[in-house]
Amino acid sequence: MHVYTYCPVCGSPLTTAEIENRTRKRCPSCQWIHYENPLPVAIAYTVNDHNELLVVRRAHQPGYNEWALPGGFIEAGETPEEGCLRELLEETSLTGTIDNLVGAYHRHTDLYGSLLVIAYKVIITSNTLRINHELFEADFYPLEEIPTINIPLHKQIIQEAQSHEHLRSLR
């Protein structure tokens, strides 16, 4: 997120003020208010026809060299579902369909600030796995054999997706 020091409308130096019960930057000249909104992110909890989970080892920050779920920033003009499927395709060459929403989460990172993370369960429709420069490796694993996931949010998404599956199987 862009951090403003000067007003993007009139160029005046910004001050801080208590607005709507939050400390915000605002322009004393034209009254423009800087609302610091989260960046949208989509994560793909991706399974194949053997119900194995796709995990990737990241080659960039955040989470350099960590095992994770594929995902990334939703771009302007995309729905969260479109962003999720695009990120999956870019990182792994896999295509898929959205099965269901796993959850929506807020996180704060040192690198990007406030994030709104939307996670979907994706069922793949292609089996040709080829990784791009963002990953060191990727593969499908039975749930009991996935590599250790250290990123807390990704662990939470996996747990919640598994809970959803358990509840769906009881119906």
N, C-alpha and C. Protein backbone atom coordinates (compact mmCIF):
# COMPACT_ATOMS: atom_id res chain seq x y z
N MET A 1 0.84 -1.17 0.00
CA MET A 1 0.00 0.00 0.00
C MET A 1 0.89 1.24 0.00
N HIS A 2 0.47 2.21 -0.77
CA HIS A 2 1.21 3.47 -0.85
C HIS A 2 1.02 4.25 0.45
N VAL A 3 2.12 4.71 1.03
CA VAL A 3 2.06 5.52 2.25
C VAL A 3 2.17 6.98 1.83
N TYR A 4 1.14 7.73 2.13
CA TYR A 4 1.10 9.13 1.73
C TYR A 4 1.68 10.03 2.81
N THR A 5 2.49 10.98 2.38
CA THR A 5 2.98 12.06 3.22
C THR A 5 2.31 13.37 2.83
N TYR A 6 2.02 13.47 1.52
CA TYR A 6 1.38 14.66 0.97
C TYR A 6 0.05 14.26 0.33
N CYS A 7 -0.88 15.17 0.30
CA CYS A 7 -2.19 14.93 -0.27
C CYS A 7 -2.09 14.66 -1.77
N PRO A 8 -2.65 13.56 -2.27
CA PRO A 8 -2.60 13.29 -3.70
C PRO A 8 -3.54 14.19 -4.51
N VAL A 9 -4.42 14.93 -3.84
CA VAL A 9 -5.36 15.81 -4.52
C VAL A 9 -4.78 17.21 -4.68
N CYS A 10 -4.27 17.79 -3.57
CA CYS A 10 -3.82 19.19 -3.64
C CYS A 10 -2.34 19.37 -3.31
N GLY A 11 -1.67 18.32 -2.81
CA GLY A 11 -0.24 18.40 -2.55
C GLY A 11 0.14 18.93 -1.18
N SER A 12 -0.80 19.27 -0.34
CA SER A 12 -0.50 19.77 1.01
C SER A 12 0.03 18.65 1.89
N PRO A 13 0.89 18.98 2.88
CA PRO A 13 1.34 17.95 3.82
C PRO A 13 0.15 17.41 4.62
N LEU A 14 0.12 16.10 4.83
CA LEU A 14 -0.95 15.48 5.58
C LEU A 14 -0.70 15.60 7.08
N THR A 15 -1.77 15.66 7.84
CA THR A 15 -1.71 15.63 9.29
C THR A 15 -2.49 14.40 9.75
N THR A 16 -2.40 14.10 11.02
CA THR A 16 -3.20 12.99 11.56
C THR A 16 -4.35 13.57 12.37
N ALA A 17 -5.44 12.83 12.35
CA ALA A 17 -6.64 13.27 13.07
C ALA A 17 -7.43 12.03 13.49
N GLU A 18 -8.24 12.19 14.50
CA GLU A 18 -9.14 11.13 14.93
C GLU A 18 -10.41 11.28 14.09
N ILE A 19 -10.62 10.32 13.19
CA ILE A 19 -11.76 10.35 12.28
C ILE A 19 -12.44 8.98 12.36
N GLU A 20 -13.73 8.99 12.62
CA GLU A 20 -14.50 7.74 12.70
C GLU A 20 -13.88 6.76 13.69
N ASN A 21 -13.43 7.30 14.83
CA ASN A 21 -12.84 6.51 15.93
C ASN A 21 -11.52 5.83 15.56
N ARG A 22 -10.84 6.35 14.55
CA ARG A 22 -9.53 5.82 14.17
C ARG A 22 -8.59 6.99 13.86
N THR A 23 -7.31 6.75 14.12
CA THR A 23 -6.32 7.75 13.73
C THR A 23 -6.05 7.58 12.24
N ARG A 24 -6.28 8.65 11.49
CA ARG A 24 -6.11 8.62 10.03
C ARG A 24 -5.33 9.85 9.59
N LYS A 25 -4.69 9.72 8.43
CA LYS A 25 -4.06 10.89 7.81
C LYS A 25 -5.13 11.62 7.01
N ARG A 26 -5.04 12.97 7.08
CA ARG A 26 -5.98 13.76 6.29
C ARG A 26 -5.32 15.06 5.88
N CYS A 27 -5.89 15.66 4.87
CA CYS A 27 -5.38 16.92 4.35
C CYS A 27 -6.11 18.07 5.03
N PRO A 28 -5.36 18.97 5.68
CA PRO A 28 -6.01 20.11 6.33
C PRO A 28 -6.54 21.14 5.32
N SER A 29 -6.04 21.08 4.06
CA SER A 29 -6.48 22.06 3.06
C SER A 29 -7.78 21.64 2.36
N CYS A 30 -7.80 20.42 1.80
CA CYS A 30 -8.98 20.00 1.02
C CYS A 30 -9.82 18.93 1.72
N GLN A 31 -9.38 18.50 2.93
CA GLN A 31 -10.10 17.53 3.76
C GLN A 31 -10.06 16.09 3.22
N TRP A 32 -9.20 15.80 2.25
CA TRP A 32 -9.05 14.42 1.76
C TRP A 32 -8.61 13.53 2.92
N ILE A 33 -9.17 12.33 3.02
CA ILE A 33 -8.84 11.39 4.08
C ILE A 33 -8.18 10.17 3.47
N HIS A 34 -7.08 9.74 4.06
CA HIS A 34 -6.39 8.53 3.60
C HIS A 34 -6.91 7.33 4.39
N TYR A 35 -7.73 6.51 3.72
CA TYR A 35 -8.23 5.27 4.31
C TYR A 35 -7.25 4.17 3.93
N GLU A 36 -6.65 3.53 4.92
CA GLU A 36 -5.69 2.45 4.66
C GLU A 36 -6.44 1.13 4.63
N ASN A 37 -6.75 0.69 3.41
CA ASN A 37 -7.54 -0.52 3.22
C ASN A 37 -6.63 -1.71 2.96
N PRO A 38 -7.09 -2.92 3.33
CA PRO A 38 -6.26 -4.11 3.13
C PRO A 38 -6.13 -4.47 1.65
N LEU A 39 -5.02 -5.11 1.32
CA LEU A 39 -4.82 -5.65 -0.03
C LEU A 39 -5.52 -7.01 -0.11
N PRO A 40 -6.22 -7.29 -1.22
CA PRO A 40 -6.92 -8.57 -1.34
C PRO A 40 -6.01 -9.68 -1.86
N VAL A 41 -6.11 -10.84 -1.21
CA VAL A 41 -5.30 -12.01 -1.54
C VAL A 41 -6.23 -13.21 -1.68
N ALA A 42 -5.92 -14.10 -2.64
CA ALA A 42 -6.68 -15.34 -2.80
C ALA A 42 -5.73 -16.52 -2.60
N ILE A 43 -6.20 -17.53 -1.87
CA ILE A 43 -5.43 -18.74 -1.59
C ILE A 43 -6.23 -19.93 -2.11
N ALA A 44 -5.53 -20.89 -2.74
CA ALA A 44 -6.17 -22.07 -3.31
C ALA A 44 -5.82 -23.31 -2.49
N TYR A 45 -6.82 -23.85 -1.80
CA TYR A 45 -6.72 -25.16 -1.16
C TYR A 45 -7.09 -26.14 -2.27
N THR A 46 -6.09 -26.72 -2.92
CA THR A 46 -6.29 -27.44 -4.18
C THR A 46 -6.13 -28.93 -3.99
N VAL A 47 -7.13 -29.67 -4.44
CA VAL A 47 -7.08 -31.13 -4.35
C VAL A 47 -7.24 -31.75 -5.74
N ASN A 48 -6.66 -32.95 -5.89
CA ASN A 48 -6.80 -33.69 -7.13
C ASN A 48 -7.87 -34.77 -6.97
N ASP A 49 -8.00 -35.62 -7.99
CA ASP A 49 -9.06 -36.64 -7.94
C ASP A 49 -8.77 -37.76 -6.96
N HIS A 50 -7.57 -37.79 -6.36
CA HIS A 50 -7.24 -38.76 -5.30
C HIS A 50 -7.39 -38.13 -3.91
N ASN A 51 -7.95 -36.89 -3.89
CA ASN A 51 -8.12 -36.11 -2.66
C ASN A 51 -6.78 -35.80 -1.99
N GLU A 52 -5.75 -35.64 -2.80
CA GLU A 52 -4.43 -35.22 -2.31
C GLU A 52 -4.37 -33.70 -2.39
N LEU A 53 -3.65 -33.09 -1.46
CA LEU A 53 -3.55 -31.64 -1.36
C LEU A 53 -2.29 -31.13 -2.05
N LEU A 54 -2.44 -30.06 -2.83
CA LEU A 54 -1.31 -29.40 -3.47
C LEU A 54 -0.64 -28.47 -2.48
N VAL A 55 0.65 -28.67 -2.23
CA VAL A 55 1.43 -27.73 -1.44
C VAL A 55 2.65 -27.31 -2.25
N VAL A 56 3.08 -26.10 -2.03
CA VAL A 56 4.18 -25.50 -2.79
C VAL A 56 5.24 -24.99 -1.83
N ARG A 57 6.48 -24.98 -2.29
CA ARG A 57 7.57 -24.40 -1.49
C ARG A 57 7.95 -23.08 -2.13
N ARG A 58 7.77 -22.00 -1.39
CA ARG A 58 7.89 -20.63 -1.91
C ARG A 58 9.35 -20.23 -2.16
N ALA A 59 9.56 -19.51 -3.26
CA ALA A 59 10.89 -19.04 -3.62
C ALA A 59 11.04 -17.53 -3.40
N HIS A 60 10.03 -16.89 -2.82
CA HIS A 60 10.05 -15.44 -2.57
C HIS A 60 9.44 -15.16 -1.21
N GLN A 61 9.73 -13.97 -0.69
CA GLN A 61 9.09 -13.49 0.53
C GLN A 61 7.66 -13.05 0.21
N PRO A 62 6.75 -13.10 1.11
CA PRO A 62 6.92 -13.62 2.46
C PRO A 62 6.90 -15.15 2.46
N GLY A 63 7.50 -15.72 3.44
CA GLY A 63 7.52 -17.18 3.57
C GLY A 63 8.55 -17.85 2.68
N TYR A 64 9.67 -17.18 2.44
CA TYR A 64 10.72 -17.75 1.59
C TYR A 64 11.10 -19.15 2.09
N ASN A 65 11.11 -20.12 1.18
CA ASN A 65 11.51 -21.50 1.41
C ASN A 65 10.53 -22.27 2.30
N GLU A 66 9.38 -21.70 2.57
CA GLU A 66 8.36 -22.37 3.39
C GLU A 66 7.37 -23.11 2.49
N TRP A 67 6.85 -24.22 3.01
CA TRP A 67 5.75 -24.92 2.36
C TRP A 67 4.48 -24.15 2.63
N ALA A 68 3.62 -24.06 1.61
CA ALA A 68 2.43 -23.22 1.71
C ALA A 68 1.38 -23.70 0.71
N LEU A 69 0.27 -23.02 0.70
CA LEU A 69 -0.75 -23.20 -0.33
C LEU A 69 -0.51 -22.16 -1.42
N PRO A 70 -0.81 -22.48 -2.68
CA PRO A 70 -0.62 -21.47 -3.73
C PRO A 70 -1.60 -20.32 -3.57
N GLY A 71 -1.18 -19.14 -4.02
CA GLY A 71 -2.05 -17.98 -3.96
C GLY A 71 -1.28 -16.70 -4.19
N GLY A 72 -2.00 -15.61 -4.17
CA GLY A 72 -1.38 -14.31 -4.36
C GLY A 72 -2.42 -13.22 -4.42
N PHE A 73 -1.98 -12.04 -4.83
CA PHE A 73 -2.84 -10.86 -4.85
C PHE A 73 -3.90 -10.94 -5.93
N ILE A 74 -5.09 -10.52 -5.58
CA ILE A 74 -6.17 -10.37 -6.54
C ILE A 74 -5.90 -9.06 -7.29
N GLU A 75 -6.00 -9.10 -8.60
CA GLU A 75 -5.71 -7.91 -9.41
C GLU A 75 -6.97 -7.10 -9.67
N ALA A 76 -6.79 -5.83 -10.01
CA ALA A 76 -7.92 -4.96 -10.33
C ALA A 76 -8.75 -5.58 -11.45
N GLY A 77 -10.07 -5.55 -11.27
CA GLY A 77 -10.97 -6.08 -12.28
C GLY A 77 -11.26 -7.57 -12.16
N GLU A 78 -10.60 -8.26 -11.22
CA GLU A 78 -10.83 -9.69 -11.01
C GLU A 78 -11.78 -9.91 -9.84
N THR A 79 -12.57 -10.97 -9.94
CA THR A 79 -13.29 -11.43 -8.77
C THR A 79 -12.29 -12.22 -7.92
N PRO A 80 -12.58 -12.43 -6.65
CA PRO A 80 -11.68 -13.26 -5.85
C PRO A 80 -11.49 -14.67 -6.44
N GLU A 81 -12.57 -15.23 -6.98
CA GLU A 81 -12.48 -16.56 -7.59
C GLU A 81 -11.55 -16.55 -8.80
N GLU A 82 -11.68 -15.53 -9.64
CA GLU A 82 -10.81 -15.41 -10.82
C GLU A 82 -9.35 -15.25 -10.40
N GLY A 83 -9.10 -14.44 -9.37
CA GLY A 83 -7.74 -14.25 -8.88
C GLY A 83 -7.15 -15.54 -8.33
N CYS A 84 -7.96 -16.30 -7.62
CA CYS A 84 -7.52 -17.58 -7.07
C CYS A 84 -7.10 -18.53 -8.18
N LEU A 85 -7.95 -18.68 -9.20
CA LEU A 85 -7.65 -19.59 -10.29
C LEU A 85 -6.48 -19.10 -11.15
N ARG A 86 -6.35 -17.78 -11.33
CA ARG A 86 -5.22 -17.23 -12.08
C ARG A 86 -3.91 -17.49 -11.36
N GLU A 87 -3.89 -17.24 -10.03
CA GLU A 87 -2.67 -17.49 -9.26
C GLU A 87 -2.26 -18.96 -9.33
N LEU A 88 -3.24 -19.85 -9.21
CA LEU A 88 -2.97 -21.29 -9.31
C LEU A 88 -2.35 -21.61 -10.67
N LEU A 89 -2.92 -21.07 -11.73
CA LEU A 89 -2.42 -21.30 -13.09
C LEU A 89 -1.01 -20.73 -13.25
N GLU A 90 -0.79 -19.49 -12.81
CA GLU A 90 0.52 -18.86 -12.96
C GLU A 90 1.61 -19.63 -12.22
N GLU A 91 1.33 -20.05 -11.00
CA GLU A 91 2.36 -20.69 -10.18
C GLU A 91 2.59 -22.15 -10.53
N THR A 92 1.55 -22.85 -11.00
CA THR A 92 1.65 -24.31 -11.15
C THR A 92 1.23 -24.85 -12.52
N SER A 93 0.71 -24.01 -13.40
CA SER A 93 0.16 -24.41 -14.71
C SER A 93 -1.10 -25.27 -14.58
N LEU A 94 -1.67 -25.37 -13.40
CA LEU A 94 -2.87 -26.17 -13.19
C LEU A 94 -4.12 -25.31 -13.36
N THR A 95 -5.14 -25.91 -13.95
CA THR A 95 -6.44 -25.26 -14.01
C THR A 95 -7.39 -26.00 -13.09
N GLY A 96 -8.44 -25.32 -12.69
CA GLY A 96 -9.38 -25.94 -11.77
C GLY A 96 -10.68 -25.19 -11.71
N THR A 97 -11.56 -25.69 -10.87
CA THR A 97 -12.83 -25.02 -10.62
C THR A 97 -12.98 -24.80 -9.12
N ILE A 98 -13.62 -23.71 -8.78
CA ILE A 98 -13.89 -23.40 -7.37
C ILE A 98 -14.98 -24.35 -6.87
N ASP A 99 -14.71 -25.04 -5.79
CA ASP A 99 -15.69 -25.93 -5.17
C ASP A 99 -16.49 -25.19 -4.10
N ASN A 100 -15.77 -24.50 -3.21
CA ASN A 100 -16.45 -23.75 -2.17
C ASN A 100 -15.48 -22.77 -1.49
N LEU A 101 -16.07 -21.84 -0.77
CA LEU A 101 -15.30 -20.89 0.03
C LEU A 101 -14.86 -21.59 1.31
N VAL A 102 -13.57 -21.54 1.61
CA VAL A 102 -13.08 -22.08 2.87
C VAL A 102 -13.24 -21.03 3.96
N GLY A 103 -12.85 -19.78 3.66
CA GLY A 103 -12.99 -18.73 4.65
C GLY A 103 -12.36 -17.42 4.19
N ALA A 104 -12.62 -16.37 4.95
CA ALA A 104 -12.03 -15.05 4.72
C ALA A 104 -11.34 -14.63 6.01
N TYR A 105 -10.14 -14.06 5.88
CA TYR A 105 -9.28 -13.80 7.03
C TYR A 105 -8.60 -12.44 6.88
N HIS A 106 -8.28 -11.83 8.01
CA HIS A 106 -7.45 -10.62 7.99
C HIS A 106 -6.10 -10.95 8.61
N ARG A 107 -5.06 -10.51 7.96
CA ARG A 107 -3.71 -10.67 8.48
C ARG A 107 -2.93 -9.38 8.26
N HIS A 108 -1.94 -9.15 9.09
CA HIS A 108 -1.02 -8.03 8.91
C HIS A 108 0.38 -8.59 8.71
N THR A 109 1.05 -8.13 7.66
CA THR A 109 2.42 -8.57 7.40
C THR A 109 3.34 -7.36 7.39
N ASP A 110 4.59 -7.60 7.75
CA ASP A 110 5.58 -6.52 7.71
C ASP A 110 5.81 -6.06 6.27
N LEU A 111 5.78 -6.98 5.33
CA LEU A 111 6.11 -6.66 3.93
C LEU A 111 4.98 -5.90 3.24
N TYR A 112 3.73 -6.32 3.43
CA TYR A 112 2.62 -5.73 2.67
C TYR A 112 1.60 -4.99 3.52
N GLY A 113 1.70 -5.07 4.82
CA GLY A 113 0.71 -4.42 5.67
C GLY A 113 -0.54 -5.27 5.81
N SER A 114 -1.69 -4.63 5.81
CA SER A 114 -2.97 -5.29 6.05
C SER A 114 -3.42 -6.06 4.81
N LEU A 115 -3.81 -7.32 5.02
CA LEU A 115 -4.27 -8.19 3.93
C LEU A 115 -5.65 -8.74 4.26
N LEU A 116 -6.51 -8.82 3.25
CA LEU A 116 -7.77 -9.55 3.33
C LEU A 116 -7.57 -10.80 2.49
N VAL A 117 -7.53 -11.96 3.15
CA VAL A 117 -7.22 -13.22 2.49
C VAL A 117 -8.50 -14.03 2.34
N ILE A 118 -8.76 -14.46 1.11
CA ILE A 118 -9.95 -15.26 0.80
C ILE A 118 -9.45 -16.60 0.29
N ALA A 119 -9.87 -17.68 0.95
CA ALA A 119 -9.41 -19.02 0.60
C ALA A 119 -10.55 -19.84 0.02
N TYR A 120 -10.25 -20.52 -1.08
CA TYR A 120 -11.23 -21.38 -1.75
C TYR A 120 -10.69 -22.79 -1.88
N LYS A 121 -11.60 -23.75 -1.83
CA LYS A 121 -11.25 -25.11 -2.21
C LYS A 121 -11.37 -25.18 -3.73
N VAL A 122 -10.31 -25.69 -4.38
CA VAL A 122 -10.26 -25.79 -5.83
C VAL A 122 -10.07 -27.26 -6.20
N ILE A 123 -10.86 -27.72 -7.15
CA ILE A 123 -10.72 -29.06 -7.70
C ILE A 123 -10.01 -28.90 -9.04
N ILE A 124 -8.86 -29.56 -9.22
CA ILE A 124 -8.12 -29.37 -10.46
C ILE A 124 -8.82 -30.08 -11.61
N THR A 125 -8.65 -29.50 -12.81
CA THR A 125 -9.20 -30.08 -14.03
C THR A 125 -8.10 -30.45 -15.02
N SER A 126 -6.86 -30.13 -14.67
CA SER A 126 -5.70 -30.53 -15.49
C SER A 126 -4.65 -31.12 -14.56
N ASN A 127 -3.84 -32.02 -15.08
CA ASN A 127 -2.86 -32.71 -14.23
C ASN A 127 -1.41 -32.39 -14.56
N THR A 128 -1.15 -31.44 -15.43
CA THR A 128 0.22 -31.11 -15.81
C THR A 128 0.76 -30.03 -14.88
N LEU A 129 1.56 -30.44 -13.92
CA LEU A 129 2.11 -29.54 -12.91
C LEU A 129 3.47 -29.04 -13.38
N ARG A 130 3.57 -27.72 -13.60
CA ARG A 130 4.84 -27.05 -13.96
C ARG A 130 4.90 -25.77 -13.14
N ILE A 131 5.97 -25.60 -12.38
CA ILE A 131 6.06 -24.43 -11.49
C ILE A 131 6.74 -23.27 -12.20
N ASN A 132 6.44 -22.06 -11.72
CA ASN A 132 7.10 -20.87 -12.24
C ASN A 132 8.19 -20.41 -11.27
N HIS A 133 8.73 -19.23 -11.49
CA HIS A 133 9.85 -18.68 -10.71
C HIS A 133 9.49 -18.37 -9.26
N GLU A 134 8.21 -18.36 -8.91
CA GLU A 134 7.80 -18.05 -7.55
C GLU A 134 7.95 -19.23 -6.59
N LEU A 135 8.21 -20.42 -7.16
CA LEU A 135 8.24 -21.64 -6.35
C LEU A 135 9.54 -22.41 -6.57
N PHE A 136 9.97 -23.11 -5.51
CA PHE A 136 11.06 -24.07 -5.63
C PHE A 136 10.54 -25.44 -6.06
N GLU A 137 9.39 -25.80 -5.52
CA GLU A 137 8.79 -27.09 -5.86
C GLU A 137 7.32 -27.08 -5.48
N ALA A 138 6.60 -28.09 -6.01
CA ALA A 138 5.18 -28.25 -5.71
C ALA A 138 4.80 -29.69 -6.02
N ASP A 139 3.86 -30.21 -5.24
CA ASP A 139 3.36 -31.55 -5.50
C ASP A 139 2.09 -31.78 -4.69
N PHE A 140 1.39 -32.85 -5.06
CA PHE A 140 0.21 -33.29 -4.34
C PHE A 140 0.61 -34.35 -3.32
N TYR A 141 0.03 -34.25 -2.13
CA TYR A 141 0.34 -35.18 -1.04
C TYR A 141 -0.95 -35.64 -0.38
N PRO A 142 -0.99 -36.91 0.06
CA PRO A 142 -2.08 -37.29 0.95
C PRO A 142 -2.02 -36.40 2.19
N LEU A 143 -3.16 -36.07 2.74
CA LEU A 143 -3.20 -35.12 3.87
C LEU A 143 -2.29 -35.52 5.02
N GLU A 144 -2.17 -36.81 5.28
CA GLU A 144 -1.33 -37.25 6.40
C GLU A 144 0.17 -37.21 6.07
N GLU A 145 0.52 -36.89 4.83
CA GLU A 145 1.94 -36.86 4.42
C GLU A 145 2.42 -35.51 3.92
N ILE A 146 1.60 -34.46 4.06
CA ILE A 146 2.04 -33.15 3.54
C ILE A 146 3.26 -32.67 4.33
N PRO A 147 4.17 -31.96 3.64
CA PRO A 147 5.31 -31.37 4.37
C PRO A 147 4.81 -30.41 5.44
N THR A 148 5.66 -30.12 6.39
CA THR A 148 5.29 -29.23 7.49
C THR A 148 4.99 -27.83 6.98
N ILE A 149 3.81 -27.36 7.31
CA ILE A 149 3.38 -26.00 6.96
C ILE A 149 3.60 -25.15 8.21
N ASN A 150 4.47 -24.14 8.10
CA ASN A 150 4.77 -23.28 9.25
C ASN A 150 4.03 -21.95 9.22
N ILE A 151 3.45 -21.60 8.09
CA ILE A 151 2.73 -20.33 7.99
C ILE A 151 1.39 -20.50 8.71
N PRO A 152 1.17 -19.78 9.81
CA PRO A 152 -0.02 -20.01 10.63
C PRO A 152 -1.34 -19.93 9.86
N LEU A 153 -1.50 -18.95 8.98
CA LEU A 153 -2.75 -18.83 8.25
C LEU A 153 -2.97 -20.04 7.33
N HIS A 154 -1.93 -20.52 6.69
CA HIS A 154 -2.07 -21.66 5.78
C HIS A 154 -2.43 -22.92 6.56
N LYS A 155 -1.85 -23.07 7.75
CA LYS A 155 -2.24 -24.19 8.63
C LYS A 155 -3.72 -24.09 8.99
N GLN A 156 -4.16 -22.88 9.31
CA GLN A 156 -5.56 -22.66 9.67
C GLN A 156 -6.48 -22.98 8.49
N ILE A 157 -6.12 -22.55 7.30
CA ILE A 157 -6.94 -22.81 6.11
C ILE A 157 -7.07 -24.32 5.89
N ILE A 158 -5.96 -25.05 6.02
CA ILE A 158 -5.99 -26.50 5.84
C ILE A 158 -6.91 -27.13 6.88
N GLN A 159 -6.78 -26.73 8.13
CA GLN A 159 -7.63 -27.29 9.19
C GLN A 159 -9.11 -26.98 8.93
N GLU A 160 -9.41 -25.75 8.55
CA GLU A 160 -10.81 -25.38 8.32
C GLU A 160 -11.38 -26.08 7.09
N ALA A 161 -10.57 -26.24 6.04
CA ALA A 161 -11.04 -26.95 4.85
C ALA A 161 -11.33 -28.41 5.19
N GLN A 162 -10.49 -29.00 6.01
CA GLN A 162 -10.72 -30.39 6.43
C GLN A 162 -11.97 -30.50 7.30
N SER A 163 -12.21 -29.52 8.16
CA SER A 163 -13.42 -29.50 8.98
C SER A 163 -14.66 -29.37 8.11
N HIS A 164 -14.59 -28.51 7.07
CA HIS A 164 -15.71 -28.36 6.15
C HIS A 164 -16.01 -29.69 5.47
N GLU A 165 -14.95 -30.39 5.04
CA GLU A 165 -15.12 -31.69 4.38
C GLU A 165 -15.77 -32.70 5.32
N HIS A 166 -15.34 -32.68 6.57
CA HIS A 166 -15.91 -33.60 7.55
C HIS A 166 -17.40 -33.31 7.74
N LEU A 167 -17.76 -32.03 7.86
CA LEU A 167 -19.16 -31.67 8.03
C LEU A 167 -19.99 -32.02 6.81
N ARG A 168 -19.42 -31.82 5.61
CA ARG A 168 -20.14 -32.16 4.37
C ARG A 168 -20.39 -33.67 4.29
N SER A 169 -19.44 -34.45 4.79
CA SER A 169 -19.60 -35.91 4.71
C SER A 169 -20.66 -36.42 5.68
N LEU A 170 -20.97 -35.64 6.71
CA LEU A 170 -21.99 -36.04 7.68
C LEU A 170 -23.41 -35.78 7.19
N ARG A 171 -23.54 -34.95 6.16
CA ARG A 171 -24.88 -34.59 5.66
C ARG A 171 -25.49 -35.69 4.85
